[in-house]
Amino acid sequence: MEETNCCCHKTKERTEKEYKDLIHRLNRIEGQVRGIKGMVEKDAYCTDILVQVAAVTAALNSFNKVLLENHLRTCVVRDIREGKEETLDELVSTLHKLMR
């Protein structure tokens, strides 16, 4: 497997199960965001919208956890075994961005 990076200069082949899980999560998040847009368009009460935004935030955090775990178990482990220590720098940089 090749590693993945947000800059898209690297790619990663995912198992069918991993791919389907990630796409399912993203489709659900996309639906939630469309629902929030509809709430704004229909002048829904602010608190109701905020609760839905919190749900989307939690879903995105969950997506990140799954993706990060997959990345650690595949790409990072492989690169470290191959002596590519720059992968640790990349991982630390990514974690800093996730924790903003």
C-alpha atoms as a PDB file:
ATOM      1  CA  MET A   1       0.000   0.000   0.000  1.00  0.00           C
ATOM      2  CA  GLU A   2       1.114   3.521  -0.694  1.00  0.00           C
ATOM      3  CA  GLU A   3       0.591   6.206   1.895  1.00  0.00           C
ATOM      4  CA  THR A   4      -1.932   8.987   1.592  1.00  0.00           C
ATOM      5  CA  ASN A   5      -1.398  12.698   2.101  1.00  0.00           C
ATOM      6  CA  CYS A   6      -3.731  15.692   2.002  1.00  0.00           C
ATOM      7  CA  CYS A   7      -1.596  17.244  -0.715  1.00  0.00           C
ATOM      8  CA  CYS A   8      -2.563  14.372  -3.043  1.00  0.00           C
ATOM      9  CA  HIS A   9       0.978  13.708  -4.267  1.00  0.00           C
ATOM     10  CA  LYS A  10       0.748  10.297  -2.618  1.00  0.00           C
ATOM     11  CA  THR A  11      -2.033   7.760  -2.843  1.00  0.00           C
ATOM     12  CA  LYS A  12      -3.214   4.787  -0.820  1.00  0.00           C
ATOM     13  CA  GLU A  13      -5.035   1.688  -1.930  1.00  0.00           C
ATOM     14  CA  ARG A  14      -7.748   0.944   0.617  1.00  0.00           C
ATOM     15  CA  THR A  15      -9.467  -2.343   1.218  1.00  0.00           C
ATOM     16  CA  GLU A  16     -13.043  -2.489  -0.014  1.00  0.00           C
ATOM     17  CA  LYS A  17     -14.260  -2.571   3.597  1.00  0.00           C
ATOM     18  CA  GLU A  18     -12.207   0.501   4.575  1.00  0.00           C
ATOM     19  CA  TYR A  19     -13.313   2.371   1.438  1.00  0.00           C
ATOM     20  CA  LYS A  20     -17.009   1.597   1.976  1.00  0.00           C
ATOM     21  CA  ASP A  21     -16.843   2.596   5.648  1.00  0.00           C
ATOM     22  CA  LEU A  22     -15.197   5.949   4.888  1.00  0.00           C
ATOM     23  CA  ILE A  23     -17.588   6.729   2.016  1.00  0.00           C
ATOM     24  CA  HIS A  24     -20.593   5.757   4.165  1.00  0.00           C
ATOM     25  CA  ARG A  25     -19.431   8.102   6.928  1.00  0.00           C
ATOM     26  CA  LEU A  26     -18.847  10.945   4.453  1.00  0.00           C
ATOM     27  CA  ASN A  27     -22.245  10.443   2.821  1.00  0.00           C
ATOM     28  CA  ARG A  28     -23.907  10.629   6.235  1.00  0.00           C
ATOM     29  CA  ILE A  29     -21.963  13.807   7.092  1.00  0.00           C
ATOM     30  CA  GLU A  30     -22.866  15.322   3.734  1.00  0.00           C
ATOM     31  CA  GLY A  31     -26.533  14.627   4.447  1.00  0.00           C
ATOM     32  CA  GLN A  32     -26.253  16.234   7.865  1.00  0.00           C
ATOM     33  CA  VAL A  33     -24.687  19.359   6.352  1.00  0.00           C
ATOM     34  CA  ARG A  34     -27.459  19.557   3.744  1.00  0.00           C
ATOM     35  CA  GLY A  35     -29.948  19.255   6.611  1.00  0.00           C
ATOM     36  CA  ILE A  36     -28.315  22.189   8.397  1.00  0.00           C
ATOM     37  CA  LYS A  37     -28.469  24.252   5.219  1.00  0.00           C
ATOM     38  CA  GLY A  38     -32.182  23.455   4.984  1.00  0.00           C
ATOM     39  CA  MET A  39     -32.677  24.514   8.591  1.00  0.00           C
ATOM     40  CA  VAL A  40     -31.029  27.886   7.878  1.00  0.00           C
ATOM     41  CA  GLU A  41     -33.124  28.308   4.738  1.00  0.00           C
ATOM     42  CA  LYS A  42     -36.280  27.616   6.781  1.00  0.00           C
ATOM     43  CA  ASP A  43     -35.274  30.050   9.545  1.00  0.00           C
ATOM     44  CA  ALA A  44     -34.903  27.319  12.180  1.00  0.00           C
ATOM     45  CA  TYR A  45     -34.153  28.359  15.742  1.00  0.00           C
ATOM     46  CA  CYS A  46     -30.450  29.029  16.381  1.00  0.00           C
ATOM     47  CA  THR A  47     -30.085  26.477  19.171  1.00  0.00           C
ATOM     48  CA  ASP A  48     -31.581  23.743  16.997  1.00  0.00           C
ATOM     49  CA  ILE A  49     -29.056  24.522  14.256  1.00  0.00           C
ATOM     50  CA  LEU A  50     -26.178  24.603  16.737  1.00  0.00           C
ATOM     51  CA  VAL A  51     -27.127  21.141  18.027  1.00  0.00           C
ATOM     52  CA  GLN A  52     -27.014  19.795  14.471  1.00  0.00           C
ATOM     53  CA  VAL A  53     -23.657  21.486  13.830  1.00  0.00           C
ATOM     54  CA  ALA A  54     -22.319  19.793  16.980  1.00  0.00           C
ATOM     55  CA  ALA A  55     -23.503  16.449  15.585  1.00  0.00           C
ATOM     56  CA  VAL A  56     -21.633  17.096  12.317  1.00  0.00           C
ATOM     57  CA  THR A  57     -18.515  18.082  14.248  1.00  0.00           C
ATOM     58  CA  ALA A  58     -18.700  14.834  16.237  1.00  0.00           C
ATOM     59  CA  ALA A  59     -19.184  12.844  13.020  1.00  0.00           C
ATOM     60  CA  LEU A  60     -16.147  14.515  11.428  1.00  0.00           C
ATOM     61  CA  ASN A  61     -14.077  13.811  14.538  1.00  0.00           C
ATOM     62  CA  SER A  62     -15.142  10.172  14.372  1.00  0.00           C
ATOM     63  CA  PHE A  63     -14.204  10.045  10.675  1.00  0.00           C
ATOM     64  CA  ASN A  64     -10.777  11.497  11.530  1.00  0.00           C
ATOM     65  CA  LYS A  65     -10.221   8.895  14.257  1.00  0.00           C
ATOM     66  CA  VAL A  66     -11.006   6.023  11.894  1.00  0.00           C
ATOM     67  CA  LEU A  67      -8.840   7.449   9.110  1.00  0.00           C
ATOM     68  CA  LEU A  68      -5.962   8.187  11.483  1.00  0.00           C
ATOM     69  CA  GLU A  69      -6.083   4.698  12.986  1.00  0.00           C
ATOM     70  CA  ASN A  70      -6.027   3.149   9.500  1.00  0.00           C
ATOM     71  CA  HIS A  71      -3.121   5.410   8.549  1.00  0.00           C
ATOM     72  CA  LEU A  72      -1.136   4.459  11.648  1.00  0.00           C
ATOM     73  CA  ARG A  73      -1.741   0.727  11.205  1.00  0.00           C
ATOM     74  CA  THR A  74      -0.810   0.709   7.518  1.00  0.00           C
ATOM     75  CA  CYS A  75       1.187   3.597   6.085  1.00  0.00           C
ATOM     76  CA  VAL A  76       3.078   4.675   9.198  1.00  0.00           C
ATOM     77  CA  VAL A  77       3.997   1.137  10.282  1.00  0.00           C
ATOM     78  CA  ARG A  78       5.180   0.284   6.761  1.00  0.00           C
ATOM     79  CA  ASP A  79       7.262   3.444   6.411  1.00  0.00           C
ATOM     80  CA  ILE A  80       8.928   3.011   9.800  1.00  0.00           C
ATOM     81  CA  ARG A  81       9.778  -0.603   8.960  1.00  0.00           C
ATOM     82  CA  GLU A  82      11.318   0.700   5.722  1.00  0.00           C
ATOM     83  CA  GLY A  83      13.362   3.278   7.673  1.00  0.00           C
ATOM     84  CA  LYS A  84      11.446   6.314   6.411  1.00  0.00           C
ATOM     85  CA  GLU A  85      11.598   8.358   9.587  1.00  0.00           C
ATOM     86  CA  GLU A  86      10.298  11.487   7.827  1.00  0.00           C
ATOM     87  CA  THR A  87       6.898   9.842   8.168  1.00  0.00           C
ATOM     88  CA  LEU A  88       7.020  10.647  11.886  1.00  0.00           C
ATOM     89  CA  ASP A  89       7.530  14.334  11.110  1.00  0.00           C
ATOM     90  CA  GLU A  90       4.569  14.186   8.728  1.00  0.00           C
ATOM     91  CA  LEU A  91       2.455  12.463  11.391  1.00  0.00           C
ATOM     92  CA  VAL A  92       3.354  15.028  14.055  1.00  0.00           C
ATOM     93  CA  SER A  93       2.512  17.853  11.653  1.00  0.00           C
ATOM     94  CA  THR A  94      -0.834  16.221  10.851  1.00  0.00           C
ATOM     95  CA  LEU A  95      -1.661  15.759  14.546  1.00  0.00           C
ATOM     96  CA  HIS A  96      -0.906  19.436  15.190  1.00  0.00           C
ATOM     97  CA  LYS A  97      -3.381  20.380  12.448  1.00  0.00           C
ATOM     98  CA  LEU A  98      -6.032  18.029  13.835  1.00  0.00           C
ATOM     99  CA  MET A  99      -5.695  19.463  17.334  1.00  0.00           C
ATOM    100  CA  ARG A 100      -6.140  23.131  16.423  1.00  0.00           C
END
